[in-house]
Amino acid sequence: MPSQQPASSHQQKDHARVLIDAFHEAILIQDPESGIILDANIAACNLYGYSREQLMTLSMGDLSVGIAPCAHEDALGWMRKAAEGNPQSFDWLAQSKKGRIFWVEINLHLAVLDGVGKLLATIRDIGDRKRLESEHKARLKHAEAENAVLLALAEAGSDFQQALNLIAHHLATNVGDLAVIELLDEEGHLSPKAVDQPYLDGQGVLPRIEDLNTSTPEDSPQKRVAVSGQALRLDDPSGAKIRTELRPEFHPFTLRYNAHSLLIVPLRSHGTNLGTITLVKGSASRPYSAEDHSRVQNLADRAGLSLTNAKLFSENLEQANQLREANVELEGRVAARTAELEALNLRLKQMAIEDTLTGLPNRRRFNEVMDEEVRRARRSSEAFSLLMCDVDFFKRYNDHYGHQGGDECLRAVGAVMREVFQRAGEMPARYGGEEFAVVLPGLSEAEASLVAEKLLKALAARALPHALSDAAPHVSLSIGQATALVDHGKDVEWFVARADEALYRAKAAGRNRVCVAKL
């Protein structure tokens, strides 16, 4: 019955086509050598906007934006690895027939189809996930801005004007681009008290605060917001409407940086309106959103409370000096109030030296302790050791497990460090990103190396999976160690530089190890 064989083979192919078309995820079957698409299911046609016949004239690289790391050459690299028997999973910036650009997740592996090895790609649209990741990054940036303002207020203490300037600076830098703070006086007149923007290009675009008209017009939107307590948000790509809502002195800024979004929120404390914060965005940044509005208003309320406390702190001290001899009871109240404010400032400073993600001391606290311990070691002629640690292949970890998974990984590393380093004087800290540092005063080179190896073993025992690591199947660290007797030629920068050099040698030697600096 030879004549029936072709019909049977054809029926098998039709059956295979029905199977792949039944999948909700897009599927592409490709030639391992050329990358040309040999077949595609209906979901792939719908995703990219091509017919099956059109797709079979293209390659995966033709379906991308064509810009590294999502270009044709990058696609060939992924396919070569998959063709060698190593399944690949990666995020890819794709482009449809109509030019729509969108993110997809591609899983690529070698499969035997019709007796021949072919590349099978399953593709899923992850636009929603990427949007959530972008929003998460924006939230982190806003959280950093809030922490910066809290730190600024803690450092400002009772200096009211310094607090205003620091708030304006951090808002302009982290939320901005232009930030203006205006306050109501006892007679209800509104006047500017602080102004800032993150870049001036050396041109002096913004006027000095002392050169602004002292009184804000009564019919201005800032005065309406200050009186009513109702915020104002305005978007205008041309910037013309925004200029009508701002002082003429700020018009050069709006023209230079193509201002397109305006946000004015009330500055208030204990139900009382103190004034306004005006923010203006320009260039290619996105407009202020409802979430931006909510976050800035929350920050403004906290700033208003801190400003009120700073003002009360200053007034209370002055009253205490005037009434100390005349009213002992009042002096006690002022002292109590002062203690409360000092405790608040102490708490704010504590928040400023702790890394919110891992709970370890942050870079700021690390620098302070390093300076103190190096000075102490120099006076006592003791050995001093420093470890610089880097999570191996952390970018791959983030790409594979997502940013939330990356945060959990860093928290776990911080927890292991707290378990390992408990001796008096030892201090692990988050140095920045996926990098950690450990201060080890009084330890010799051999003792510090033993402690570093103990850290590697403790992290290995935790067995946090890391599927894309070339160093180990679990999350691991590369550690650089610097140990020396401290003399006048050795300071904090010297130890950090030597430990960093050893860290790079640990990475070059294969990672998941300790390397000691060569002094």
Protein backbone atom coordinates (compact mmCIF):
# COMPACT_ATOMS: atom_id res chain seq x y z
CA MET A 1 0.00 0.00 0.00
CA PRO A 2 2.80 2.52 -0.73
CA SER A 3 0.43 4.95 -2.37
CA GLN A 4 -1.33 5.58 0.99
CA GLN A 5 1.87 6.62 2.85
CA PRO A 6 1.94 10.28 1.68
CA ALA A 7 -1.68 10.70 2.77
CA SER A 8 -0.84 9.32 6.22
CA SER A 9 2.16 11.69 6.58
CA HIS A 10 0.00 14.60 5.48
CA GLN A 11 -2.62 13.66 8.04
CA GLN A 12 0.07 13.56 10.74
CA LYS A 13 1.22 17.07 9.83
CA ASP A 14 -2.39 18.31 9.89
CA HIS A 15 -2.80 16.72 13.31
CA ALA A 16 0.39 18.42 14.57
CA ARG A 17 -0.87 21.76 13.20
CA VAL A 18 -4.17 21.34 15.08
CA LEU A 19 -2.22 20.61 18.27
CA ILE A 20 0.01 23.71 18.15
CA ASP A 21 -2.92 25.90 17.10
CA ALA A 22 -4.74 24.77 20.24
CA PHE A 23 -2.08 26.42 22.43
CA HIS A 24 -2.92 29.88 23.81
CA GLU A 25 0.76 30.83 23.81
CA ALA A 26 2.45 31.78 20.54
CA ILE A 27 4.65 29.01 19.07
CA LEU A 28 7.36 29.36 16.43
CA ILE A 29 9.27 26.41 14.93
CA GLN A 30 12.66 27.50 13.53
CA ASP A 31 15.59 26.09 11.63
CA PRO A 32 18.52 25.79 14.12
CA GLU A 33 21.15 26.97 11.64
CA SER A 34 19.50 29.86 9.77
CA GLY A 35 16.88 30.81 12.33
CA ILE A 36 14.21 30.94 9.59
CA ILE A 37 10.69 30.28 10.88
CA LEU A 38 9.43 26.92 9.56
CA ASP A 39 5.98 26.99 11.11
CA ALA A 40 3.83 29.08 13.46
CA ASN A 41 0.54 28.65 15.27
CA ILE A 42 -2.50 30.94 15.16
CA ALA A 43 -1.54 32.60 18.47
CA ALA A 44 1.82 33.65 16.96
CA CYS A 45 0.05 35.09 13.89
CA ASN A 46 -2.31 37.06 16.11
CA LEU A 47 0.51 38.27 18.38
CA TYR A 48 2.73 39.60 15.58
CA GLY A 49 0.02 40.51 13.05
CA TYR A 50 1.41 38.37 10.21
CA SER A 51 -0.15 35.47 8.33
CA ARG A 52 1.47 32.05 8.76
CA GLU A 53 2.87 32.28 5.23
CA GLN A 54 4.41 35.71 5.96
CA LEU A 55 5.97 34.50 9.22
CA MET A 56 7.58 31.57 7.35
CA THR A 57 9.68 34.07 5.38
CA LEU A 58 11.07 35.74 8.53
CA SER A 59 13.29 34.92 11.51
CA MET A 60 12.95 35.79 15.18
CA GLY A 61 15.38 38.66 14.70
CA ASP A 62 13.01 40.14 12.09
CA LEU A 63 10.29 40.25 14.76
CA SER A 64 12.30 42.46 17.14
CA VAL A 65 12.95 46.19 17.40
CA GLY A 66 16.37 45.59 15.81
CA ILE A 67 18.29 47.37 18.59
CA ALA A 68 20.72 45.59 20.92
CA PRO A 69 20.19 43.64 23.07
CA CYS A 70 17.09 42.74 21.03
CA ALA A 71 18.60 42.66 17.53
CA HIS A 72 19.02 39.93 14.90
CA GLU A 73 22.54 39.07 16.07
CA ASP A 74 21.32 38.68 19.65
CA ALA A 75 18.56 36.34 18.46
CA LEU A 76 21.12 34.18 16.66
CA GLY A 77 23.17 33.98 19.86
CA TRP A 78 20.18 32.71 21.88
CA MET A 79 19.37 30.18 19.14
CA ARG A 80 22.94 28.87 19.00
CA LYS A 81 22.86 28.15 22.74
CA ALA A 82 19.48 26.41 22.45
CA ALA A 83 20.68 24.37 19.43
CA GLU A 84 23.58 23.12 21.58
CA GLY A 85 21.03 21.57 23.95
CA ASN A 86 20.85 24.39 26.49
CA PRO A 87 17.24 25.64 26.81
CA GLN A 88 17.04 29.44 26.91
CA SER A 89 14.53 31.76 28.57
CA PHE A 90 14.74 35.52 28.10
CA ASP A 91 12.74 38.75 27.80
CA TRP A 92 12.62 40.25 24.32
CA LEU A 93 11.46 43.59 22.93
CA ALA A 94 9.34 42.60 19.91
CA GLN A 95 7.68 44.54 17.09
CA SER A 96 4.47 43.64 15.25
CA LYS A 97 3.79 44.03 11.55
CA LYS A 98 2.03 47.34 12.26
CA GLY A 99 4.98 48.64 14.27
CA ARG A 100 3.60 48.04 17.78
CA ILE A 101 6.49 47.52 20.20
CA PHE A 102 5.85 45.17 23.10
CA TRP A 103 7.68 42.91 25.57
CA VAL A 104 7.53 39.12 25.31
CA GLU A 105 9.04 36.22 27.24
CA ILE A 106 10.62 33.61 24.96
CA ASN A 107 11.41 30.03 25.98
CA LEU A 108 13.62 28.36 23.39
CA HIS A 109 14.69 24.72 23.28
CA LEU A 110 15.74 22.02 20.81
CA ALA A 111 13.04 19.49 19.89
CA VAL A 112 12.94 16.55 17.49
CA LEU A 113 10.04 17.08 15.08
CA ASP A 114 9.42 14.72 12.13
CA GLY A 115 12.74 13.06 13.01
CA VAL A 116 14.68 16.32 12.60
CA GLY A 117 16.11 18.61 15.30
CA LYS A 118 14.33 21.98 15.27
CA LEU A 119 14.09 24.95 17.62
CA LEU A 120 10.74 25.31 19.38
CA ALA A 121 9.98 28.78 20.76
CA THR A 122 7.02 29.47 23.06
CA ILE A 123 6.27 33.17 23.34
CA ARG A 124 4.17 35.03 25.89
CA ASP A 125 3.20 38.72 25.97
CA ILE A 126 4.53 40.18 29.25
CA GLY A 127 3.59 43.82 28.69
CA ASP A 128 1.56 43.92 31.92
CA ARG A 129 4.46 42.49 33.92
CA LYS A 130 6.91 45.02 32.48
CA ARG A 131 4.47 47.83 33.25
CA LEU A 132 4.24 46.66 36.87
CA GLU A 133 8.04 46.49 37.07
CA SER A 134 8.27 50.04 35.74
CA GLU A 135 5.71 51.22 38.27
CA HIS A 136 7.66 49.42 40.99
CA LYS A 137 10.83 51.29 40.01
CA ALA A 138 8.91 54.57 40.07
CA ARG A 139 7.62 53.76 43.56
CA LEU A 140 11.17 53.02 44.71
CA LYS A 141 12.32 56.37 43.35
CA HIS A 142 9.53 58.15 45.21
CA ALA A 143 10.38 56.22 48.39
CA GLU A 144 14.01 57.30 48.02
CA ALA A 145 12.82 60.90 47.64
CA GLU A 146 10.77 60.65 50.81
CA ASN A 147 13.71 59.16 52.73
CA ALA A 148 15.95 61.93 51.41
CA VAL A 149 13.52 64.57 52.64
CA LEU A 150 13.31 62.89 56.06
CA LEU A 151 17.10 62.87 56.27
CA ALA A 152 17.25 66.49 55.15
CA LEU A 153 14.75 67.52 57.81
CA ALA A 154 16.64 65.59 60.49
CA GLU A 155 19.87 67.36 59.54
CA ALA A 156 18.21 70.76 59.31
CA GLY A 157 17.10 70.65 62.95
CA SER A 158 15.64 74.01 63.96
CA ASP A 159 16.99 75.87 60.88
CA PHE A 160 13.65 76.66 59.20
CA GLN A 161 15.07 78.11 55.97
CA GLN A 162 17.57 75.29 55.55
CA ALA A 163 14.72 72.79 55.87
CA LEU A 164 12.77 74.63 53.16
CA ASN A 165 15.77 74.67 50.82
CA LEU A 166 16.49 70.98 51.34
CA ILE A 167 12.85 69.99 50.72
CA ALA A 168 12.78 72.00 47.48
CA HIS A 169 16.08 70.51 46.34
CA HIS A 170 15.06 66.90 46.93
CA LEU A 171 11.65 67.37 45.32
CA ALA A 172 13.25 68.94 42.24
CA THR A 173 15.81 66.18 41.98
CA ASN A 174 13.62 63.15 42.68
CA VAL A 175 10.14 64.26 41.58
CA GLY A 176 10.57 67.67 39.84
CA ASP A 177 11.89 69.12 37.57
CA LEU A 178 11.11 72.56 39.10
CA ALA A 179 10.09 72.90 42.76
CA VAL A 180 8.82 76.10 44.38
CA ILE A 181 7.70 76.41 48.02
CA GLU A 182 5.47 79.36 48.95
CA LEU A 183 4.21 80.10 52.48
CA LEU A 184 1.32 82.10 53.93
CA ASP A 185 2.18 84.82 56.43
CA GLU A 186 0.03 85.85 59.39
CA GLU A 187 -1.90 88.29 57.19
CA GLY A 188 -2.71 85.63 54.61
CA HIS A 189 -0.26 86.82 51.93
CA LEU A 190 1.56 84.12 49.96
CA SER A 191 5.25 84.56 49.11
CA PRO A 192 8.03 82.31 47.72
CA LYS A 193 10.51 80.92 50.25
CA ALA A 194 12.50 78.28 48.31
CA VAL A 195 13.05 77.38 44.64
CA ASP A 196 15.19 74.68 43.00
CA GLN A 197 15.67 72.57 39.86
CA PRO A 198 18.06 69.64 39.26
CA TYR A 199 19.96 71.19 36.36
CA LEU A 200 20.88 74.73 35.33
CA ASP A 201 23.27 74.06 32.41
CA GLY A 202 25.37 76.90 33.79
CA GLN A 203 22.88 79.39 32.37
CA GLY A 204 21.17 80.59 35.55
CA VAL A 205 17.70 79.86 34.16
CA LEU A 206 15.96 80.29 37.51
CA PRO A 207 15.98 83.63 39.30
CA ARG A 208 17.41 83.91 42.80
CA ILE A 209 14.79 83.69 45.52
CA GLU A 210 15.60 87.22 46.65
CA ASP A 211 14.93 88.53 43.12
CA LEU A 212 11.35 87.19 43.01
CA ASN A 213 8.41 89.44 43.77
CA THR A 214 7.78 88.99 47.46
CA SER A 215 4.00 88.72 47.13
CA THR A 216 2.19 86.11 45.01
CA PRO A 217 -0.85 87.54 43.15
CA GLU A 218 -4.17 86.99 44.92
CA ASP A 219 -5.74 85.48 41.77
CA SER A 220 -2.87 82.99 41.23
CA PRO A 221 -3.57 79.23 41.32
CA GLN A 222 -1.05 78.93 44.16
CA LYS A 223 -3.13 81.29 46.32
CA ARG A 224 -6.33 79.40 45.46
CA VAL A 225 -4.70 76.09 46.44
CA ALA A 226 -3.27 77.61 49.65
CA VAL A 227 -6.70 78.92 50.70
CA SER A 228 -8.89 76.02 49.58
CA GLY A 229 -6.51 73.16 50.31
CA GLN A 230 -7.48 71.61 46.95
CA ALA A 231 -4.57 70.52 44.74
CA LEU A 232 -4.25 71.38 41.03
CA ARG A 233 -2.87 69.10 38.31
CA LEU A 234 -2.53 70.28 34.70
CA ASP A 235 -1.03 68.67 31.58
CA ASP A 236 -0.31 70.72 28.44
CA PRO A 237 2.19 69.47 25.82
CA SER A 238 2.57 73.00 24.41
CA GLY A 239 3.34 74.52 27.83
CA ALA A 240 1.23 77.62 27.07
CA LYS A 241 -1.41 76.93 29.73
CA ILE A 242 1.26 76.09 32.29
CA ARG A 243 2.96 79.46 31.75
CA THR A 244 -0.30 81.25 32.55
CA GLU A 245 -0.29 79.55 35.95
CA LEU A 246 3.30 80.50 36.84
CA ARG A 247 5.16 83.66 37.68
CA PRO A 248 6.74 85.37 34.63
CA GLU A 249 10.15 84.79 36.24
CA PHE A 250 9.73 81.04 35.61
CA HIS A 251 8.74 81.33 31.94
CA PRO A 252 12.37 80.98 30.69
CA PHE A 253 12.49 77.61 32.49
CA THR A 254 9.27 76.38 30.88
CA LEU A 255 10.52 77.39 27.42
CA ARG A 256 14.04 76.00 27.85
CA TYR A 257 12.89 72.60 29.11
CA ASN A 258 9.54 72.27 27.28
CA ALA A 259 7.40 72.21 30.42
CA HIS A 260 4.36 69.99 29.92
CA SER A 261 2.98 69.07 33.36
CA LEU A 262 2.10 71.10 36.47
CA LEU A 263 1.23 69.97 40.01
CA ILE A 264 0.37 72.29 42.91
CA VAL A 265 -0.35 70.74 46.32
CA PRO A 266 -1.17 72.43 49.63
CA LEU A 267 1.48 72.40 52.36
CA ARG A 268 -0.39 71.79 55.59
CA SER A 269 0.02 70.75 59.22
CA HIS A 270 -2.60 69.78 61.81
CA GLY A 271 -5.43 70.91 59.52
CA THR A 272 -3.87 74.32 58.86
CA ASN A 273 -2.74 75.37 55.38
CA LEU A 274 0.81 76.70 55.53
CA GLY A 275 1.28 77.39 51.80
CA THR A 276 1.92 75.42 48.59
CA ILE A 277 4.45 73.28 46.76
CA THR A 278 4.53 73.81 42.99
CA LEU A 279 6.17 71.19 40.75
CA VAL A 280 6.75 71.45 36.99
CA LYS A 281 7.98 68.70 34.64
CA GLY A 282 9.70 69.20 31.31
CA SER A 283 11.72 67.50 28.57
CA ALA A 284 10.77 63.89 27.72
CA SER A 285 9.56 62.86 31.18
CA ARG A 286 6.04 61.49 31.67
CA PRO A 287 3.33 63.81 33.09
CA TYR A 288 2.41 63.76 36.76
CA SER A 289 -0.05 60.93 37.47
CA ALA A 290 -2.73 60.55 40.12
CA GLU A 291 -0.28 58.36 42.02
CA ASP A 292 2.36 61.11 41.81
CA HIS A 293 -0.21 63.52 43.19
CA SER A 294 -1.00 61.23 46.12
CA ARG A 295 2.66 60.60 46.95
CA VAL A 296 3.68 64.26 46.71
CA GLN A 297 0.72 65.28 48.89
CA ASN A 298 1.72 62.69 51.49
CA LEU A 299 5.30 63.96 51.40
CA ALA A 300 4.08 67.58 51.61
CA ASP A 301 2.00 66.76 54.72
CA ARG A 302 4.98 65.12 56.41
CA ALA A 303 7.19 68.05 55.42
CA GLY A 304 4.58 70.49 56.75
CA LEU A 305 4.57 68.71 60.09
CA SER A 306 8.36 68.74 60.26
CA LEU A 307 8.50 72.42 59.33
CA THR A 308 6.01 73.22 62.06
CA ASN A 309 8.07 71.20 64.53
CA ALA A 310 11.24 73.01 63.46
CA LYS A 311 9.54 76.35 63.94
CA LEU A 312 8.13 75.32 67.32
CA PHE A 313 11.52 73.95 68.32
CA SER A 314 13.15 77.31 67.63
CA GLU A 315 10.36 79.26 69.31
CA ASN A 316 10.39 77.01 72.37
CA LEU A 317 14.11 77.45 72.86
CA GLU A 318 13.74 81.23 72.65
CA GLN A 319 10.85 81.22 75.12
CA ALA A 320 12.82 78.99 77.47
CA ASN A 321 15.70 81.49 77.54
CA GLN A 322 13.30 84.34 78.29
CA LEU A 323 11.21 82.59 80.95
CA ARG A 324 13.70 80.21 82.56
CA GLU A 325 14.03 82.22 85.79
CA ALA A 326 10.39 83.32 85.93
CA ASN A 327 8.49 80.09 85.29
CA VAL A 328 9.95 76.73 86.31
CA GLU A 329 6.82 74.82 85.27
CA LEU A 330 6.90 76.34 81.77
CA GLU A 331 10.60 75.48 81.54
CA GLY A 332 9.71 71.84 82.21
CA ARG A 333 7.13 71.83 79.42
CA VAL A 334 9.59 73.36 76.98
CA ALA A 335 12.25 70.83 77.99
CA ALA A 336 9.78 68.00 77.46
CA ARG A 337 8.76 69.36 74.08
CA THR A 338 12.41 69.81 73.13
CA ALA A 339 13.13 66.22 74.18
CA GLU A 340 10.26 64.99 72.00
CA LEU A 341 11.59 66.88 69.02
CA GLU A 342 15.12 65.66 69.65
CA ALA A 343 13.78 62.09 69.85
CA LEU A 344 11.99 62.65 66.54
CA ASN A 345 15.19 63.94 64.96
CA LEU A 346 17.08 60.96 66.41
CA ARG A 347 14.53 58.57 64.90
CA LEU A 348 14.80 60.31 61.53
CA LYS A 349 18.57 60.01 61.65
CA GLN A 350 18.25 56.31 62.55
CA MET A 351 16.03 55.81 59.51
CA ALA A 352 18.68 57.58 57.45
CA ILE A 353 21.48 55.13 58.39
CA GLU A 354 19.55 51.87 57.88
CA ASP A 355 19.02 50.13 54.53
CA THR A 356 15.25 49.69 54.23
CA LEU A 357 15.47 46.53 52.09
CA THR A 358 17.90 44.36 54.10
CA GLY A 359 17.76 45.98 57.55
CA LEU A 360 21.57 46.23 57.54
CA PRO A 361 23.45 49.48 58.08
CA ASN A 362 23.57 51.45 54.82
CA ARG A 363 26.52 53.02 52.94
CA ARG A 364 26.33 56.18 55.05
CA ARG A 365 26.66 54.23 58.31
CA PHE A 366 29.40 52.02 56.84
CA ASN A 367 31.51 55.10 56.02
CA GLU A 368 31.09 56.44 59.56
CA VAL A 369 32.03 53.15 61.28
CA MET A 370 34.94 52.50 58.91
CA ASP A 371 36.41 55.91 59.70
CA GLU A 372 36.04 55.34 63.46
CA GLU A 373 37.51 51.82 63.41
CA VAL A 374 40.47 52.70 61.16
CA ARG A 375 41.35 55.60 63.47
CA ARG A 376 41.08 53.30 66.52
CA ALA A 377 43.26 50.62 64.87
CA ARG A 378 45.88 53.26 64.00
CA ARG A 379 46.04 54.39 67.64
CA SER A 380 46.25 50.83 69.05
CA SER A 381 48.50 49.41 66.28
CA GLU A 382 46.05 46.55 65.74
CA ALA A 383 45.34 44.64 62.56
CA PHE A 384 42.22 45.66 60.67
CA SER A 385 40.28 43.67 58.04
CA LEU A 386 37.63 44.62 55.49
CA LEU A 387 35.54 42.29 53.29
CA MET A 388 33.88 43.51 50.08
CA CYS A 389 31.22 41.03 48.87
CA ASP A 390 29.28 40.89 45.60
CA VAL A 391 26.34 38.57 44.79
CA ASP A 392 27.45 36.43 41.83
CA PHE A 393 25.56 37.01 38.55
CA PHE A 394 22.90 39.13 40.27
CA LYS A 395 21.71 40.72 37.02
CA ARG A 396 20.95 37.25 35.67
CA TYR A 397 19.13 36.48 38.92
CA ASN A 398 17.00 39.63 38.50
CA ASP A 399 16.28 38.85 34.85
CA HIS A 400 15.27 35.27 35.68
CA TYR A 401 13.38 35.65 38.97
CA GLY A 402 12.16 39.25 38.54
CA HIS A 403 12.91 42.33 40.63
CA GLN A 404 10.77 41.14 43.52
CA GLY A 405 12.77 37.92 43.58
CA GLY A 406 15.96 39.98 43.47
CA ASP A 407 14.80 41.95 46.53
CA GLU A 408 14.09 38.69 48.38
CA CYS A 409 17.58 37.43 47.46
CA LEU A 410 19.23 40.56 48.92
CA ARG A 411 17.13 40.24 52.10
CA ALA A 412 18.24 36.63 52.48
CA VAL A 413 21.92 37.55 52.04
CA GLY A 414 21.50 40.26 54.68
CA ALA A 415 19.91 37.76 57.07
CA VAL A 416 22.81 35.31 56.62
CA MET A 417 25.29 38.11 57.31
CA ARG A 418 23.51 39.03 60.54
CA GLU A 419 23.72 35.37 61.64
CA VAL A 420 27.44 35.05 60.82
CA PHE A 421 28.76 38.40 62.09
CA GLN A 422 27.79 38.74 65.75
CA ARG A 423 31.14 39.37 67.41
CA ALA A 424 31.47 42.77 69.10
CA GLY A 425 32.75 45.30 66.60
CA GLU A 426 31.87 43.28 63.49
CA MET A 427 29.49 45.14 61.21
CA PRO A 428 28.00 43.91 57.91
CA ALA A 429 26.49 46.66 55.72
CA ARG A 430 24.81 47.03 52.37
CA TYR A 431 27.36 48.95 50.31
CA GLY A 432 25.12 49.50 47.29
CA GLY A 433 23.08 47.43 44.82
CA GLU A 434 24.10 43.78 45.21
CA GLU A 435 27.37 44.68 46.97
CA PHE A 436 27.93 44.25 50.73
CA ALA A 437 30.81 45.15 53.04
CA VAL A 438 31.93 43.75 56.41
CA VAL A 439 34.04 45.68 58.94
CA LEU A 440 36.26 43.31 60.99
CA PRO A 441 38.36 45.25 63.51
CA GLY A 442 41.16 43.41 65.29
CA LEU A 443 41.23 40.32 63.03
CA SER A 444 44.41 39.01 61.43
CA GLU A 445 44.54 37.93 57.80
CA ALA A 446 44.04 34.26 58.67
CA GLU A 447 41.19 34.99 61.11
CA ALA A 448 39.40 37.23 58.61
CA SER A 449 39.76 34.57 55.88
CA LEU A 450 38.19 31.96 58.16
CA VAL A 451 35.25 34.26 58.85
CA ALA A 452 34.84 34.98 55.11
CA GLU A 453 34.82 31.24 54.35
CA LYS A 454 32.25 30.80 57.13
CA LEU A 455 30.03 33.32 55.34
CA LEU A 456 30.32 31.40 52.03
CA LYS A 457 29.40 28.14 53.76
CA ALA A 458 26.45 29.70 55.60
CA LEU A 459 25.09 31.12 52.34
CA ALA A 460 25.61 27.76 50.59
CA ALA A 461 23.71 26.06 53.43
CA ARG A 462 20.81 28.44 52.83
CA ALA A 463 20.71 26.96 49.27
CA LEU A 464 18.88 29.78 47.55
CA PRO A 465 18.41 28.53 43.94
CA HIS A 466 20.18 30.49 41.17
CA ALA A 467 19.37 28.80 37.86
CA LEU A 468 21.54 31.08 35.71
CA SER A 469 24.71 31.19 37.83
CA ASP A 470 27.92 29.86 36.32
CA ALA A 471 29.51 29.77 39.80
CA ALA A 472 27.12 27.51 41.73
CA PRO A 473 23.55 26.16 41.58
CA HIS A 474 22.70 28.45 44.49
CA VAL A 475 23.18 32.11 45.33
CA SER A 476 26.85 32.71 46.11
CA LEU A 477 29.26 35.55 46.83
CA SER A 478 32.61 36.71 45.52
CA ILE A 479 34.62 38.17 48.43
CA GLY A 480 37.64 40.43 48.41
CA GLN A 481 39.62 40.73 51.67
CA ALA A 482 42.04 43.43 52.75
CA THR A 483 43.98 43.04 56.03
CA ALA A 484 46.79 45.23 57.32
CA LEU A 485 48.27 46.98 60.32
CA VAL A 486 47.02 50.56 60.14
CA ASP A 487 49.69 53.21 59.79
CA HIS A 488 49.54 56.81 58.56
CA GLY A 489 49.61 55.66 54.94
CA LYS A 490 46.46 53.59 55.25
CA ASP A 491 42.97 55.10 55.48
CA VAL A 492 39.41 54.09 54.63
CA GLU A 493 39.92 54.62 50.89
CA TRP A 494 43.07 52.47 50.99
CA PHE A 495 41.26 49.50 52.52
CA VAL A 496 38.24 49.83 50.19
CA ALA A 497 40.50 50.02 47.12
CA ARG A 498 42.51 46.94 48.16
CA ALA A 499 39.42 44.91 49.03
CA ASP A 500 37.85 45.91 45.68
CA GLU A 501 40.97 44.75 43.82
CA ALA A 502 40.77 41.39 45.61
CA LEU A 503 37.04 41.19 44.83
CA TYR A 504 37.72 41.58 41.11
CA ARG A 505 40.36 38.83 41.32
CA ALA A 506 37.80 36.57 43.01
CA LYS A 507 35.39 37.18 40.15
CA ALA A 508 38.07 36.57 37.54
CA ALA A 509 39.03 33.30 39.24
CA GLY A 510 35.52 31.89 38.90
CA ARG A 511 33.51 33.58 41.70
CA ASN A 512 32.09 31.90 44.85
CA ARG A 513 35.41 32.31 46.64
CA VAL A 514 37.55 34.55 48.84
CA CYS A 515 40.63 36.36 47.52
CA VAL A 516 43.01 38.25 49.81
CA ALA A 517 44.52 41.53 48.66
CA LYS A 518 48.21 41.44 47.78
CA LEU A 519 49.80 44.24 49.83
